[in-house]
Amino acid sequence: MNTLPRLDVPTIAIARSSQRFPVRRIYCVGLNYADHAREMGKDPQRHPPFFFGKPADAVVGSGAHLPYPPQTADLHHEVELVVALRQGGSNIPAADAASLIFGYAVGIDLTRRDLQAEAKKAGRPWDMGKGFDHSAPIGALATGVPPAAGAISLTVDGKVRQRGDLQDMIWSVAEIIAALSTYIEVAAGDLIFTGTPSGVGPIQRGETVRGIIAGVEPVEVSFEP
């Protein structure tokens, strides 16, 4: 007799709590820092934001020792502010967006850049470049609304690769939530990666990557040799 599989809801840690935040969906906004847009060869003007997704079970907690992803020779790091929603809705005014936020954390949008580039060139979806196993390391959530300004950085084996400030985002957190809610109904348990500053680059086997945002617990993962 066939038996139905038992599936666990992915969760992430909450700072200073034994409880964990359940993850429904993961959305990511692209090119939300002007300096990163320029380094990717794009126009940094304030065009409407665009979104892509990762599977909920792509989340991994800080301290994880990860296998190096298959099918890539160019794995990249992108440090980002991540926002977690406690409730949702559709067509949400930006002025009301803060009331939906449960908390925030620092995350790393891992990207198989070579697969993403091939997909872009062929006019195909980015899914295998962005939404692979373990592609969303996230630190513990701080509860409340994230600050509008503050240092954000990433190191690889202790050397700074990315450095920026949250105030340099083209679209604010509230504007991102409002824009996303015009495409889909956002809901409790949703995570939103809000974009990365310049300095994205490759991760080699055996290296340790650490993402830092002022005021929240860092996220650190290492990769198998």
C-alpha atoms as a PDB file:
ATOM      1  CA  MET A   1       0.000   0.000   0.000  1.00  0.00           C
ATOM      2  CA  ASN A   2       1.246   3.484  -0.860  1.00  0.00           C
ATOM      3  CA  THR A   3       1.579   5.843   2.096  1.00  0.00           C
ATOM      4  CA  LEU A   4       1.422   9.593   1.934  1.00  0.00           C
ATOM      5  CA  PRO A   5       4.698  11.403   2.656  1.00  0.00           C
ATOM      6  CA  ARG A   6       4.981  13.464   5.832  1.00  0.00           C
ATOM      7  CA  LEU A   7       6.292  16.936   5.125  1.00  0.00           C
ATOM      8  CA  ASP A   8       7.706  19.341   7.690  1.00  0.00           C
ATOM      9  CA  VAL A   9       7.207  23.096   7.385  1.00  0.00           C
ATOM     10  CA  PRO A  10      10.578  24.857   7.038  1.00  0.00           C
ATOM     11  CA  THR A  11      11.381  27.201   9.932  1.00  0.00           C
ATOM     12  CA  ILE A  12      13.990  29.763  10.910  1.00  0.00           C
ATOM     13  CA  ALA A  13      15.280  30.814  14.312  1.00  0.00           C
ATOM     14  CA  ILE A  14      13.936  33.757  16.294  1.00  0.00           C
ATOM     15  CA  ALA A  15      16.490  35.602  18.423  1.00  0.00           C
ATOM     16  CA  ARG A  16      16.138  35.103  22.187  1.00  0.00           C
ATOM     17  CA  SER A  17      13.250  32.651  21.731  1.00  0.00           C
ATOM     18  CA  SER A  18      12.778  28.892  21.673  1.00  0.00           C
ATOM     19  CA  GLN A  19      10.062  29.343  19.061  1.00  0.00           C
ATOM     20  CA  ARG A  20      10.755  29.200  15.344  1.00  0.00           C
ATOM     21  CA  PHE A  21       9.206  31.143  12.478  1.00  0.00           C
ATOM     22  CA  PRO A  22       7.366  28.971   9.901  1.00  0.00           C
ATOM     23  CA  VAL A  23       8.207  29.748   6.274  1.00  0.00           C
ATOM     24  CA  ARG A  24       5.461  29.763   3.638  1.00  0.00           C
ATOM     25  CA  ARG A  25       7.152  31.311   0.613  1.00  0.00           C
ATOM     26  CA  ILE A  26      10.354  33.173  -0.242  1.00  0.00           C
ATOM     27  CA  TYR A  27      10.331  36.180  -2.556  1.00  0.00           C
ATOM     28  CA  CYS A  28      13.385  38.151  -3.680  1.00  0.00           C
ATOM     29  CA  VAL A  29      13.596  41.599  -5.252  1.00  0.00           C
ATOM     30  CA  GLY A  30      16.298  42.129  -7.858  1.00  0.00           C
ATOM     31  CA  LEU A  31      18.723  45.026  -8.372  1.00  0.00           C
ATOM     32  CA  ASN A  32      17.594  47.122  -5.405  1.00  0.00           C
ATOM     33  CA  TYR A  33      20.924  48.910  -4.836  1.00  0.00           C
ATOM     34  CA  ALA A  34      22.184  51.293  -7.538  1.00  0.00           C
ATOM     35  CA  ASP A  35      25.825  50.200  -7.167  1.00  0.00           C
ATOM     36  CA  HIS A  36      24.886  46.546  -7.622  1.00  0.00           C
ATOM     37  CA  ALA A  37      22.733  47.381 -10.647  1.00  0.00           C
ATOM     38  CA  ARG A  38      25.734  49.086 -12.219  1.00  0.00           C
ATOM     39  CA  GLU A  39      28.098  46.187 -11.515  1.00  0.00           C
ATOM     40  CA  MET A  40      25.597  43.869 -13.232  1.00  0.00           C
ATOM     41  CA  GLY A  41      25.541  46.164 -16.267  1.00  0.00           C
ATOM     42  CA  LYS A  42      22.024  47.486 -15.610  1.00  0.00           C
ATOM     43  CA  ASP A  43      20.401  50.917 -15.385  1.00  0.00           C
ATOM     44  CA  PRO A  44      20.257  51.990 -11.710  1.00  0.00           C
ATOM     45  CA  GLN A  45      17.239  54.261 -12.245  1.00  0.00           C
ATOM     46  CA  ARG A  46      14.141  53.762 -10.094  1.00  0.00           C
ATOM     47  CA  HIS A  47      12.204  51.388 -12.325  1.00  0.00           C
ATOM     48  CA  PRO A  48       9.379  49.302 -10.794  1.00  0.00           C
ATOM     49  CA  PRO A  49      10.846  46.412  -8.750  1.00  0.00           C
ATOM     50  CA  PHE A  50      10.872  42.894 -10.163  1.00  0.00           C
ATOM     51  CA  PHE A  51      10.661  39.672  -8.187  1.00  0.00           C
ATOM     52  CA  PHE A  52      11.771  36.048  -8.303  1.00  0.00           C
ATOM     53  CA  GLY A  53      11.354  33.210  -5.831  1.00  0.00           C
ATOM     54  CA  LYS A  54      13.106  30.456  -3.948  1.00  0.00           C
ATOM     55  CA  PRO A  55      11.488  27.342  -2.456  1.00  0.00           C
ATOM     56  CA  ALA A  56      10.684  27.586   1.249  1.00  0.00           C
ATOM     57  CA  ASP A  57      12.923  24.620   2.065  1.00  0.00           C
ATOM     58  CA  ALA A  58      15.947  26.431   0.614  1.00  0.00           C
ATOM     59  CA  VAL A  59      16.380  28.067   4.042  1.00  0.00           C
ATOM     60  CA  VAL A  60      19.303  26.990   6.199  1.00  0.00           C
ATOM     61  CA  GLY A  61      20.312  28.372   9.564  1.00  0.00           C
ATOM     62  CA  SER A  62      23.542  29.979  10.629  1.00  0.00           C
ATOM     63  CA  GLY A  63      26.348  27.553  11.395  1.00  0.00           C
ATOM     64  CA  ALA A  64      25.442  25.117   8.637  1.00  0.00           C
ATOM     65  CA  HIS A  65      28.167  23.200   6.817  1.00  0.00           C
ATOM     66  CA  LEU A  66      26.902  22.969   3.247  1.00  0.00           C
ATOM     67  CA  PRO A  67      27.712  20.782   0.271  1.00  0.00           C
ATOM     68  CA  TYR A  68      29.001  22.787  -2.665  1.00  0.00           C
ATOM     69  CA  PRO A  69      26.066  23.069  -5.093  1.00  0.00           C
ATOM     70  CA  PRO A  70      26.197  20.810  -8.160  1.00  0.00           C
ATOM     71  CA  GLN A  71      26.106  21.968 -11.785  1.00  0.00           C
ATOM     72  CA  THR A  72      27.978  25.223 -11.193  1.00  0.00           C
ATOM     73  CA  ALA A  73      31.488  26.576 -11.561  1.00  0.00           C
ATOM     74  CA  ASP A  74      30.513  30.073 -10.419  1.00  0.00           C
ATOM     75  CA  LEU A  75      28.639  30.154  -7.097  1.00  0.00           C
ATOM     76  CA  HIS A  76      28.089  33.747  -5.880  1.00  0.00           C
ATOM     77  CA  HIS A  77      27.189  35.393  -2.563  1.00  0.00           C
ATOM     78  CA  GLU A  78      24.627  38.210  -2.187  1.00  0.00           C
ATOM     79  CA  VAL A  79      24.066  39.515   1.353  1.00  0.00           C
ATOM     80  CA  GLU A  80      20.577  40.914   1.978  1.00  0.00           C
ATOM     81  CA  LEU A  81      18.136  42.231   4.550  1.00  0.00           C
ATOM     82  CA  VAL A  82      15.323  39.665   4.900  1.00  0.00           C
ATOM     83  CA  VAL A  83      11.863  40.648   6.133  1.00  0.00           C
ATOM     84  CA  ALA A  84       9.407  38.124   7.648  1.00  0.00           C
ATOM     85  CA  LEU A  85       5.663  38.786   7.473  1.00  0.00           C
ATOM     86  CA  ARG A  86       3.206  38.043  10.319  1.00  0.00           C
ATOM     87  CA  GLN A  87       0.149  38.739   8.160  1.00  0.00           C
ATOM     88  CA  GLY A  88      -0.623  39.593   4.561  1.00  0.00           C
ATOM     89  CA  GLY A  89      -3.046  40.897   2.006  1.00  0.00           C
ATOM     90  CA  SER A  90      -3.366  42.273  -1.514  1.00  0.00           C
ATOM     91  CA  ASN A  91      -2.816  45.791  -2.862  1.00  0.00           C
ATOM     92  CA  ILE A  92      -1.344  46.934   0.455  1.00  0.00           C
ATOM     93  CA  PRO A  93      -0.582  50.676   0.718  1.00  0.00           C
ATOM     94  CA  ALA A  94       3.062  51.347   1.537  1.00  0.00           C
ATOM     95  CA  ALA A  95       1.902  53.318   4.590  1.00  0.00           C
ATOM     96  CA  ASP A  96       0.359  50.123   6.021  1.00  0.00           C
ATOM     97  CA  ALA A  97       3.191  47.724   5.176  1.00  0.00           C
ATOM     98  CA  ALA A  98       5.041  48.012   8.501  1.00  0.00           C
ATOM     99  CA  SER A  99       2.040  46.564  10.350  1.00  0.00           C
ATOM    100  CA  LEU A 100       2.519  43.269   8.449  1.00  0.00           C
ATOM    101  CA  ILE A 101       6.126  42.720   9.534  1.00  0.00           C
ATOM    102  CA  PHE A 102       7.007  40.166  12.216  1.00  0.00           C
ATOM    103  CA  GLY A 103      10.752  40.676  12.103  1.00  0.00           C
ATOM    104  CA  TYR A 104      13.914  40.865  10.055  1.00  0.00           C
ATOM    105  CA  ALA A 105      17.244  39.105   9.626  1.00  0.00           C
ATOM    106  CA  VAL A 106      20.364  38.984   7.499  1.00  0.00           C
ATOM    107  CA  GLY A 107      20.334  36.445   4.682  1.00  0.00           C
ATOM    108  CA  ILE A 108      22.531  35.319   1.804  1.00  0.00           C
ATOM    109  CA  ASP A 109      21.012  34.831  -1.627  1.00  0.00           C
ATOM    110  CA  LEU A 110      23.283  32.125  -3.027  1.00  0.00           C
ATOM    111  CA  THR A 111      23.328  32.205  -6.823  1.00  0.00           C
ATOM    112  CA  ARG A 112      24.652  29.803  -9.425  1.00  0.00           C
ATOM    113  CA  ARG A 113      25.712  32.765 -11.576  1.00  0.00           C
ATOM    114  CA  ASP A 114      26.727  30.713 -14.589  1.00  0.00           C
ATOM    115  CA  LEU A 115      23.345  28.987 -14.729  1.00  0.00           C
ATOM    116  CA  GLN A 116      21.561  32.308 -14.252  1.00  0.00           C
ATOM    117  CA  ALA A 117      23.583  33.894 -17.075  1.00  0.00           C
ATOM    118  CA  GLU A 118      22.854  30.989 -19.414  1.00  0.00           C
ATOM    119  CA  ALA A 119      19.144  31.239 -18.623  1.00  0.00           C
ATOM    120  CA  LYS A 120      19.101  35.000 -19.242  1.00  0.00           C
ATOM    121  CA  LYS A 121      20.896  34.597 -22.563  1.00  0.00           C
ATOM    122  CA  ALA A 122      18.416  31.944 -23.695  1.00  0.00           C
ATOM    123  CA  GLY A 123      15.388  33.840 -22.386  1.00  0.00           C
ATOM    124  CA  ARG A 124      14.606  31.053 -19.928  1.00  0.00           C
ATOM    125  CA  PRO A 125      13.563  31.141 -16.227  1.00  0.00           C
ATOM    126  CA  TRP A 126      16.219  31.616 -13.540  1.00  0.00           C
ATOM    127  CA  ASP A 127      14.908  28.885 -11.235  1.00  0.00           C
ATOM    128  CA  MET A 128      17.942  26.599 -11.328  1.00  0.00           C
ATOM    129  CA  GLY A 129      20.282  29.572 -10.876  1.00  0.00           C
ATOM    130  CA  LYS A 130      18.484  30.909  -7.794  1.00  0.00           C
ATOM    131  CA  GLY A 131      16.145  28.314  -6.285  1.00  0.00           C
ATOM    132  CA  PHE A 132      18.364  25.338  -5.529  1.00  0.00           C
ATOM    133  CA  ASP A 133      18.920  23.366  -2.316  1.00  0.00           C
ATOM    134  CA  HIS A 134      20.386  25.376   0.613  1.00  0.00           C
ATOM    135  CA  SER A 135      20.333  28.597  -1.442  1.00  0.00           C
ATOM    136  CA  ALA A 136      18.860  30.803   1.329  1.00  0.00           C
ATOM    137  CA  PRO A 137      20.995  30.913   4.495  1.00  0.00           C
ATOM    138  CA  ILE A 138      19.277  33.158   7.072  1.00  0.00           C
ATOM    139  CA  GLY A 139      20.277  34.300  10.547  1.00  0.00           C
ATOM    140  CA  ALA A 140      17.945  34.525  13.538  1.00  0.00           C
ATOM    141  CA  LEU A 141      15.034  36.944  13.230  1.00  0.00           C
ATOM    142  CA  ALA A 142      14.945  40.106  15.309  1.00  0.00           C
ATOM    143  CA  THR A 143      11.335  41.013  16.027  1.00  0.00           C
ATOM    144  CA  GLY A 144       9.910  44.328  14.859  1.00  0.00           C
ATOM    145  CA  VAL A 145      10.346  46.595  11.859  1.00  0.00           C
ATOM    146  CA  PRO A 146      13.845  46.831  10.326  1.00  0.00           C
ATOM    147  CA  PRO A 147      15.737  50.115  10.421  1.00  0.00           C
ATOM    148  CA  ALA A 148      15.779  52.307   7.318  1.00  0.00           C
ATOM    149  CA  ALA A 149      19.559  52.714   7.622  1.00  0.00           C
ATOM    150  CA  GLY A 150      22.434  50.636   8.925  1.00  0.00           C
ATOM    151  CA  ALA A 151      25.578  48.868   7.789  1.00  0.00           C
ATOM    152  CA  ILE A 152      25.305  45.666   5.745  1.00  0.00           C
ATOM    153  CA  SER A 153      28.355  43.616   4.784  1.00  0.00           C
ATOM    154  CA  LEU A 154      29.652  40.179   3.865  1.00  0.00           C
ATOM    155  CA  THR A 155      32.991  38.476   4.401  1.00  0.00           C
ATOM    156  CA  VAL A 156      34.540  35.383   2.860  1.00  0.00           C
ATOM    157  CA  ASP A 157      37.122  33.744   5.133  1.00  0.00           C
ATOM    158  CA  GLY A 158      37.222  37.001   7.111  1.00  0.00           C
ATOM    159  CA  LYS A 159      37.888  39.283   4.130  1.00  0.00           C
ATOM    160  CA  VAL A 160      35.259  41.909   3.323  1.00  0.00           C
ATOM    161  CA  ARG A 161      33.647  41.359  -0.065  1.00  0.00           C
ATOM    162  CA  GLN A 162      30.461  43.425   0.209  1.00  0.00           C
ATOM    163  CA  ARG A 163      29.799  46.608   2.163  1.00  0.00           C
ATOM    164  CA  GLY A 164      26.854  49.001   1.991  1.00  0.00           C
ATOM    165  CA  ASP A 165      24.046  50.661   3.916  1.00  0.00           C
ATOM    166  CA  LEU A 166      20.344  49.845   4.059  1.00  0.00           C
ATOM    167  CA  GLN A 167      19.559  53.478   3.290  1.00  0.00           C
ATOM    168  CA  ASP A 168      20.982  52.916  -0.203  1.00  0.00           C
ATOM    169  CA  MET A 169      18.112  50.659  -1.240  1.00  0.00           C
ATOM    170  CA  ILE A 170      16.286  52.027  -4.295  1.00  0.00           C
ATOM    171  CA  TRP A 171      12.946  50.713  -3.013  1.00  0.00           C
ATOM    172  CA  SER A 172      12.242  50.795   0.723  1.00  0.00           C
ATOM    173  CA  VAL A 173      10.961  47.754   2.596  1.00  0.00           C
ATOM    174  CA  ALA A 174       7.450  49.250   2.715  1.00  0.00           C
ATOM    175  CA  GLU A 175       7.498  49.970  -1.019  1.00  0.00           C
ATOM    176  CA  ILE A 176       8.708  46.440  -1.771  1.00  0.00           C
ATOM    177  CA  ILE A 177       5.887  44.866   0.242  1.00  0.00           C
ATOM    178  CA  ALA A 178       3.339  47.157  -1.393  1.00  0.00           C
ATOM    179  CA  ALA A 179       4.597  46.399  -4.899  1.00  0.00           C
ATOM    180  CA  LEU A 180       4.760  42.636  -4.309  1.00  0.00           C
ATOM    181  CA  SER A 181       1.197  42.624  -2.990  1.00  0.00           C
ATOM    182  CA  THR A 182      -0.070  43.952  -6.323  1.00  0.00           C
ATOM    183  CA  TYR A 183       1.141  40.759  -8.026  1.00  0.00           C
ATOM    184  CA  ILE A 184       0.152  38.169  -5.422  1.00  0.00           C
ATOM    185  CA  GLU A 185      -1.515  38.005  -2.030  1.00  0.00           C
ATOM    186  CA  VAL A 186       1.287  38.031   0.498  1.00  0.00           C
ATOM    187  CA  ALA A 187       0.651  36.054   3.679  1.00  0.00           C
ATOM    188  CA  ALA A 188       1.915  35.191   7.138  1.00  0.00           C
ATOM    189  CA  GLY A 189       5.110  33.159   6.882  1.00  0.00           C
ATOM    190  CA  ASP A 190       6.393  34.893   3.757  1.00  0.00           C
ATOM    191  CA  LEU A 191      10.040  35.996   3.617  1.00  0.00           C
ATOM    192  CA  ILE A 192      11.243  38.802   1.372  1.00  0.00           C
ATOM    193  CA  PHE A 193      14.905  39.223   0.407  1.00  0.00           C
ATOM    194  CA  THR A 194      15.293  42.948  -0.303  1.00  0.00           C
ATOM    195  CA  GLY A 195      18.343  43.144  -2.577  1.00  0.00           C
ATOM    196  CA  THR A 196      22.114  43.270  -2.256  1.00  0.00           C
ATOM    197  CA  PRO A 197      24.816  45.967  -2.422  1.00  0.00           C
ATOM    198  CA  SER A 198      27.762  45.779  -4.806  1.00  0.00           C
ATOM    199  CA  GLY A 199      30.664  43.381  -4.425  1.00  0.00           C
ATOM    200  CA  VAL A 200      28.923  40.116  -5.270  1.00  0.00           C
ATOM    201  CA  GLY A 201      31.421  37.474  -6.221  1.00  0.00           C
ATOM    202  CA  PRO A 202      32.452  33.828  -6.235  1.00  0.00           C
ATOM    203  CA  ILE A 203      32.603  31.364  -3.359  1.00  0.00           C
ATOM    204  CA  GLN A 204      35.162  28.569  -3.560  1.00  0.00           C
ATOM    205  CA  ARG A 205      34.957  25.129  -2.005  1.00  0.00           C
ATOM    206  CA  GLY A 206      36.055  25.113   1.630  1.00  0.00           C
ATOM    207  CA  GLU A 207      35.333  28.800   2.233  1.00  0.00           C
ATOM    208  CA  THR A 208      33.264  30.353   5.023  1.00  0.00           C
ATOM    209  CA  VAL A 209      30.799  33.139   4.239  1.00  0.00           C
ATOM    210  CA  ARG A 210      29.446  35.532   6.880  1.00  0.00           C
ATOM    211  CA  GLY A 211      26.647  38.060   6.386  1.00  0.00           C
ATOM    212  CA  ILE A 212      26.307  40.991   8.795  1.00  0.00           C
ATOM    213  CA  ILE A 213      23.682  43.674   9.387  1.00  0.00           C
ATOM    214  CA  ALA A 214      24.007  46.055  12.307  1.00  0.00           C
ATOM    215  CA  GLY A 215      21.634  45.149  15.131  1.00  0.00           C
ATOM    216  CA  VAL A 216      20.836  41.535  14.190  1.00  0.00           C
ATOM    217  CA  GLU A 217      22.585  38.205  14.631  1.00  0.00           C
ATOM    218  CA  PRO A 218      24.945  37.401  11.732  1.00  0.00           C
ATOM    219  CA  VAL A 219      24.549  34.431   9.435  1.00  0.00           C
ATOM    220  CA  GLU A 220      27.553  32.224   8.718  1.00  0.00           C
ATOM    221  CA  VAL A 221      27.836  29.113   6.556  1.00  0.00           C
ATOM    222  CA  SER A 222      30.791  27.122   5.330  1.00  0.00           C
ATOM    223  CA  PHE A 223      31.166  24.928   2.267  1.00  0.00           C
ATOM    224  CA  GLU A 224      32.644  21.478   2.021  1.00  0.00           C
ATOM    225  CA  PRO A 225      36.038  21.235   0.252  1.00  0.00           C
END
